[in-house]
Amino acid sequence: MAKALSIAGMVVGGLLAFTFLADLAVGIPFGGQQMLMDIGFLASGALLCYLGWNAFRDAK
């Protein structure tokens, strides 16, 4: 169960990071209105991916 939850966290973090990277680079899906928000959510998604990967390695 711990591995499944850590994989789910990595997937959600990856989708979050990809969404806001696309908004930062191209302006899709949110129109690129606030660059600081995009950078903050991109960092949050990357951190969630890292934490999920770290938990996946520790799960037995």
PDB file of N, CA and C in Angstrom:
ATOM      1  N   MET A   1       0.817  -1.189   0.000  1.00  0.00           N
ATOM      2  CA  MET A   1       0.000   0.000   0.000  1.00  0.00           C
ATOM      3  C   MET A   1       0.865   1.260   0.000  1.00  0.00           C
ATOM      4  N   ALA A   2       1.981   1.226   0.712  1.00  0.00           N
ATOM      5  CA  ALA A   2       2.857   2.396   0.767  1.00  0.00           C
ATOM      6  C   ALA A   2       3.457   2.700  -0.601  1.00  0.00           C
ATOM      7  N   LYS A   3       3.806   1.651  -1.343  1.00  0.00           N
ATOM      8  CA  LYS A   3       4.364   1.883  -2.679  1.00  0.00           C
ATOM      9  C   LYS A   3       3.327   2.470  -3.625  1.00  0.00           C
ATOM     10  N   ALA A   4       2.093   2.003  -3.515  1.00  0.00           N
ATOM     11  CA  ALA A   4       1.038   2.525  -4.389  1.00  0.00           C
ATOM     12  C   ALA A   4       0.772   3.997  -4.099  1.00  0.00           C
ATOM     13  N   LEU A   5       0.753   4.378  -2.831  1.00  0.00           N
ATOM     14  CA  LEU A   5       0.523   5.776  -2.491  1.00  0.00           C
ATOM     15  C   LEU A   5       1.687   6.654  -2.912  1.00  0.00           C
ATOM     16  N   SER A   6       2.904   6.147  -2.819  1.00  0.00           N
ATOM     17  CA  SER A   6       4.044   6.955  -3.251  1.00  0.00           C
ATOM     18  C   SER A   6       4.061   7.101  -4.773  1.00  0.00           C
ATOM     19  N   ILE A   7       3.657   6.075  -5.488  1.00  0.00           N
ATOM     20  CA  ILE A   7       3.551   6.182  -6.946  1.00  0.00           C
ATOM     21  C   ILE A   7       2.459   7.175  -7.320  1.00  0.00           C
ATOM     22  N   ALA A   8       1.338   7.141  -6.607  1.00  0.00           N
ATOM     23  CA  ALA A   8       0.267   8.100  -6.866  1.00  0.00           C
ATOM     24  C   ALA A   8       0.740   9.528  -6.604  1.00  0.00           C
ATOM     25  N   GLY A   9       1.529   9.717  -5.563  1.00  0.00           N
ATOM     26  CA  GLY A   9       2.081  11.036  -5.276  1.00  0.00           C
ATOM     27  C   GLY A   9       3.014  11.511  -6.375  1.00  0.00           C
ATOM     28  N   MET A  10       3.824  10.596  -6.899  1.00  0.00           N
ATOM     29  CA  MET A  10       4.722  10.967  -7.998  1.00  0.00           C
ATOM     30  C   MET A  10       3.940  11.333  -9.254  1.00  0.00           C
ATOM     31  N   VAL A  11       2.873  10.603  -9.529  1.00  0.00           N
ATOM     32  CA  VAL A  11       2.057  10.888 -10.713  1.00  0.00           C
ATOM     33  C   VAL A  11       1.383  12.253 -10.578  1.00  0.00           C
ATOM     34  N   VAL A  12       0.804  12.520  -9.419  1.00  0.00           N
ATOM     35  CA  VAL A  12       0.141  13.803  -9.200  1.00  0.00           C
ATOM     36  C   VAL A  12       1.157  14.947  -9.276  1.00  0.00           C
ATOM     37  N   GLY A  13       2.320  14.753  -8.660  1.00  0.00           N
ATOM     38  CA  GLY A  13       3.356  15.776  -8.722  1.00  0.00           C
ATOM     39  C   GLY A  13       3.850  16.020 -10.136  1.00  0.00           C
ATOM     40  N   GLY A  14       3.989  14.950 -10.904  1.00  0.00           N
ATOM     41  CA  GLY A  14       4.404  15.090 -12.294  1.00  0.00           C
ATOM     42  C   GLY A  14       3.380  15.819 -13.134  1.00  0.00           C
ATOM     43  N   LEU A  15       2.112  15.499 -12.938  1.00  0.00           N
ATOM     44  CA  LEU A  15       1.055  16.203 -13.672  1.00  0.00           C
ATOM     45  C   LEU A  15       0.994  17.669 -13.284  1.00  0.00           C
ATOM     46  N   LEU A  16       1.165  17.947 -12.010  1.00  0.00           N
ATOM     47  CA  LEU A  16       1.163  19.330 -11.537  1.00  0.00           C
ATOM     48  C   LEU A  16       2.334  20.100 -12.140  1.00  0.00           C
ATOM     49  N   ALA A  17       3.513  19.499 -12.104  1.00  0.00           N
ATOM     50  CA  ALA A  17       4.696  20.158 -12.651  1.00  0.00           C
ATOM     51  C   ALA A  17       4.563  20.354 -14.163  1.00  0.00           C
ATOM     52  N   PHE A  18       4.060  19.349 -14.866  1.00  0.00           N
ATOM     53  CA  PHE A  18       3.906  19.458 -16.309  1.00  0.00           C
ATOM     54  C   PHE A  18       2.899  20.539 -16.689  1.00  0.00           C
ATOM     55  N   THR A  19       1.792  20.591 -15.953  1.00  0.00           N
ATOM     56  CA  THR A  19       0.756  21.589 -16.246  1.00  0.00           C
ATOM     57  C   THR A  19       1.290  23.003 -16.112  1.00  0.00           C
ATOM     58  N   PHE A  20       1.993  23.268 -15.020  1.00  0.00           N
ATOM     59  CA  PHE A  20       2.463  24.621 -14.808  1.00  0.00           C
ATOM     60  C   PHE A  20       3.720  24.939 -15.611  1.00  0.00           C
ATOM     61  N   LEU A  21       4.482  23.931 -16.008  1.00  0.00           N
ATOM     62  CA  LEU A  21       5.586  24.167 -16.935  1.00  0.00           C
ATOM     63  C   LEU A  21       5.039  24.547 -18.305  1.00  0.00           C
ATOM     64  N   ALA A  22       3.977  23.880 -18.727  1.00  0.00           N
ATOM     65  CA  ALA A  22       3.348  24.225 -20.001  1.00  0.00           C
ATOM     66  C   ALA A  22       2.757  25.631 -19.951  1.00  0.00           C
ATOM     67  N   ASP A  23       2.171  25.997 -18.815  1.00  0.00           N
ATOM     68  CA  ASP A  23       1.616  27.341 -18.699  1.00  0.00           C
ATOM     69  C   ASP A  23       2.724  28.383 -18.705  1.00  0.00           C
ATOM     70  N   LEU A  24       3.838  28.066 -18.102  1.00  0.00           N
ATOM     71  CA  LEU A  24       4.967  28.998 -18.067  1.00  0.00           C
ATOM     72  C   LEU A  24       5.594  29.156 -19.449  1.00  0.00           C
ATOM     73  N   ALA A  25       5.727  28.059 -20.179  1.00  0.00           N
ATOM     74  CA  ALA A  25       6.411  28.098 -21.470  1.00  0.00           C
ATOM     75  C   ALA A  25       5.509  28.565 -22.610  1.00  0.00           C
ATOM     76  N   VAL A  26       4.292  28.059 -22.664  1.00  0.00           N
ATOM     77  CA  VAL A  26       3.432  28.288 -23.814  1.00  0.00           C
ATOM     78  C   VAL A  26       2.235  29.173 -23.489  1.00  0.00           C
ATOM     79  N   GLY A  27       1.804  29.171 -22.231  1.00  0.00           N
ATOM     80  CA  GLY A  27       0.625  29.937 -21.858  1.00  0.00           C
ATOM     81  C   GLY A  27      -0.653  29.134 -21.877  1.00  0.00           C
ATOM     82  N   ILE A  28      -0.527  27.827 -22.017  1.00  0.00           N
ATOM     83  CA  ILE A  28      -1.697  26.947 -22.017  1.00  0.00           C
ATOM     84  C   ILE A  28      -1.604  26.081 -20.778  1.00  0.00           C
ATOM     85  N   PRO A  29      -2.538  25.893 -19.957  1.00  0.00           N
ATOM     86  CA  PRO A  29      -3.980  26.075 -20.017  1.00  0.00           C
ATOM     87  C   PRO A  29      -4.493  27.333 -19.325  1.00  0.00           C
ATOM     88  N   PHE A  30      -3.679  28.057 -18.597  1.00  0.00           N
ATOM     89  CA  PHE A  30      -4.185  29.181 -17.807  1.00  0.00           C
ATOM     90  C   PHE A  30      -3.880  30.540 -18.419  1.00  0.00           C
ATOM     91  N   GLY A  31      -3.306  30.584 -19.566  1.00  0.00           N
ATOM     92  CA  GLY A  31      -3.047  31.838 -20.245  1.00  0.00           C
ATOM     93  C   GLY A  31      -1.795  32.553 -19.801  1.00  0.00           C
ATOM     94  N   GLY A  32      -0.987  31.936 -18.964  1.00  0.00           N
ATOM     95  CA  GLY A  32       0.271  32.537 -18.541  1.00  0.00           C
ATOM     96  C   GLY A  32       0.108  33.852 -17.803  1.00  0.00           C
ATOM     97  N   GLN A  33      -0.927  33.988 -17.012  1.00  0.00           N
ATOM     98  CA  GLN A  33      -1.234  35.254 -16.354  1.00  0.00           C
ATOM     99  C   GLN A  33      -0.202  35.636 -15.287  1.00  0.00           C
ATOM    100  N   GLN A  34       0.131  34.710 -14.404  1.00  0.00           N
ATOM    101  CA  GLN A  34       1.023  35.036 -13.295  1.00  0.00           C
ATOM    102  C   GLN A  34       2.225  34.093 -13.297  1.00  0.00           C
ATOM    103  N   MET A  35       3.374  34.642 -13.637  1.00  0.00           N
ATOM    104  CA  MET A  35       4.581  33.829 -13.745  1.00  0.00           C
ATOM    105  C   MET A  35       5.034  33.321 -12.377  1.00  0.00           C
ATOM    106  N   LEU A  36       4.878  34.123 -11.340  1.00  0.00           N
ATOM    107  CA  LEU A  36       5.303  33.714 -10.007  1.00  0.00           C
ATOM    108  C   LEU A  36       4.489  32.522  -9.506  1.00  0.00           C
ATOM    109  N   MET A  37       3.210  32.498  -9.809  1.00  0.00           N
ATOM    110  CA  MET A  37       2.363  31.370  -9.443  1.00  0.00           C
ATOM    111  C   MET A  37       2.811  30.108 -10.183  1.00  0.00           C
ATOM    112  N   ASP A  38       3.125  30.242 -11.469  1.00  0.00           N
ATOM    113  CA  ASP A  38       3.594  29.096 -12.244  1.00  0.00           C
ATOM    114  C   ASP A  38       4.882  28.529 -11.666  1.00  0.00           C
ATOM    115  N   ILE A  39       5.808  29.385 -11.302  1.00  0.00           N
ATOM    116  CA  ILE A  39       7.078  28.932 -10.746  1.00  0.00           C
ATOM    117  C   ILE A  39       6.868  28.252  -9.395  1.00  0.00           C
ATOM    118  N   GLY A  40       5.990  28.818  -8.567  1.00  0.00           N
ATOM    119  CA  GLY A  40       5.708  28.227  -7.259  1.00  0.00           C
ATOM    120  C   GLY A  40       5.079  26.847  -7.365  1.00  0.00           C
ATOM    121  N   PHE A  41       4.092  26.708  -8.235  1.00  0.00           N
ATOM    122  CA  PHE A  41       3.450  25.410  -8.397  1.00  0.00           C
ATOM    123  C   PHE A  41       4.367  24.412  -9.106  1.00  0.00           C
ATOM    124  N   LEU A  42       5.225  24.884  -9.986  1.00  0.00           N
ATOM    125  CA  LEU A  42       6.204  24.003 -10.625  1.00  0.00           C
ATOM    126  C   LEU A  42       7.170  23.447  -9.590  1.00  0.00           C
ATOM    127  N   ALA A  43       7.637  24.300  -8.695  1.00  0.00           N
ATOM    128  CA  ALA A  43       8.525  23.845  -7.617  1.00  0.00           C
ATOM    129  C   ALA A  43       7.793  22.892  -6.677  1.00  0.00           C
ATOM    130  N   SER A  44       6.527  23.162  -6.398  1.00  0.00           N
ATOM    131  CA  SER A  44       5.745  22.278  -5.528  1.00  0.00           C
ATOM    132  C   SER A  44       5.555  20.902  -6.164  1.00  0.00           C
ATOM    133  N   GLY A  45       5.275  20.872  -7.453  1.00  0.00           N
ATOM    134  CA  GLY A  45       5.123  19.595  -8.144  1.00  0.00           C
ATOM    135  C   GLY A  45       6.418  18.805  -8.179  1.00  0.00           C
ATOM    136  N   ALA A  46       7.532  19.506  -8.401  1.00  0.00           N
ATOM    137  CA  ALA A  46       8.824  18.829  -8.415  1.00  0.00           C
ATOM    138  C   ALA A  46       9.171  18.289  -7.021  1.00  0.00           C
ATOM    139  N   LEU A  47       8.855  19.056  -5.986  1.00  0.00           N
ATOM    140  CA  LEU A  47       9.096  18.599  -4.621  1.00  0.00           C
ATOM    141  C   LEU A  47       8.229  17.397  -4.284  1.00  0.00           C
ATOM    142  N   LEU A  48       6.975  17.392  -4.719  1.00  0.00           N
ATOM    143  CA  LEU A  48       6.096  16.254  -4.489  1.00  0.00           C
ATOM    144  C   LEU A  48       6.608  15.017  -5.208  1.00  0.00           C
ATOM    145  N   CYS A  49       7.128  15.177  -6.417  1.00  0.00           N
ATOM    146  CA  CYS A  49       7.725  14.042  -7.134  1.00  0.00           C
ATOM    147  C   CYS A  49       8.927  13.491  -6.382  1.00  0.00           C
ATOM    148  N   TYR A  50       9.768  14.379  -5.896  1.00  0.00           N
ATOM    149  CA  TYR A  50      10.944  13.933  -5.154  1.00  0.00           C
ATOM    150  C   TYR A  50      10.542  13.204  -3.864  1.00  0.00           C
ATOM    151  N   LEU A  51       9.591  13.754  -3.137  1.00  0.00           N
ATOM    152  CA  LEU A  51       9.166  13.125  -1.893  1.00  0.00           C
ATOM    153  C   LEU A  51       8.515  11.767  -2.144  1.00  0.00           C
ATOM    154  N   GLY A  52       7.740  11.658  -3.224  1.00  0.00           N
ATOM    155  CA  GLY A  52       7.162  10.369  -3.582  1.00  0.00           C
ATOM    156  C   GLY A  52       8.222   9.354  -3.965  1.00  0.00           C
ATOM    157  N   TRP A  53       9.228   9.792  -4.697  1.00  0.00           N
ATOM    158  CA  TRP A  53      10.323   8.899  -5.083  1.00  0.00           C
ATOM    159  C   TRP A  53      11.125   8.456  -3.860  1.00  0.00           C
ATOM    160  N   ASN A  54      11.367   9.378  -2.950  1.00  0.00           N
ATOM    161  CA  ASN A  54      12.109   9.051  -1.737  1.00  0.00           C
ATOM    162  C   ASN A  54      11.316   8.072  -0.864  1.00  0.00           C
ATOM    163  N   ALA A  55      10.012   8.263  -0.748  1.00  0.00           N
ATOM    164  CA  ALA A  55       9.174   7.345   0.017  1.00  0.00           C
ATOM    165  C   ALA A  55       9.092   5.981  -0.675  1.00  0.00           C
ATOM    166  N   PHE A  56       9.093   5.977  -2.004  1.00  0.00           N
ATOM    167  CA  PHE A  56       9.059   4.713  -2.745  1.00  0.00           C
ATOM    168  C   PHE A  56      10.321   3.892  -2.491  1.00  0.00           C
ATOM    169  N   ARG A  57      11.454   4.569  -2.429  1.00  0.00           N
ATOM    170  CA  ARG A  57      12.708   3.863  -2.151  1.00  0.00           C
ATOM    171  C   ARG A  57      12.736   3.300  -0.732  1.00  0.00           C
ATOM    172  N   ASP A  58      12.126   3.999   0.222  1.00  0.00           N
ATOM    173  CA  ASP A  58      12.141   3.552   1.607  1.00  0.00           C
ATOM    174  C   ASP A  58      11.105   2.490   1.915  1.00  0.00           C
ATOM    175  N   ALA A  59      10.052   2.378   1.104  1.00  0.00           N
ATOM    176  CA  ALA A  59       8.991   1.403   1.348  1.00  0.00           C
ATOM    177  C   ALA A  59       9.509  -0.010   1.093  1.00  0.00           C
ATOM    178  N   LYS A  60       9.092  -0.908   1.940  1.00  0.00           N
ATOM    179  CA  LYS A  60       9.534  -2.302   1.789  1.00  0.00           C
ATOM    180  C   LYS A  60       8.413  -3.213   1.420  1.00  0.00           C
TER     181      LYS A  60
END
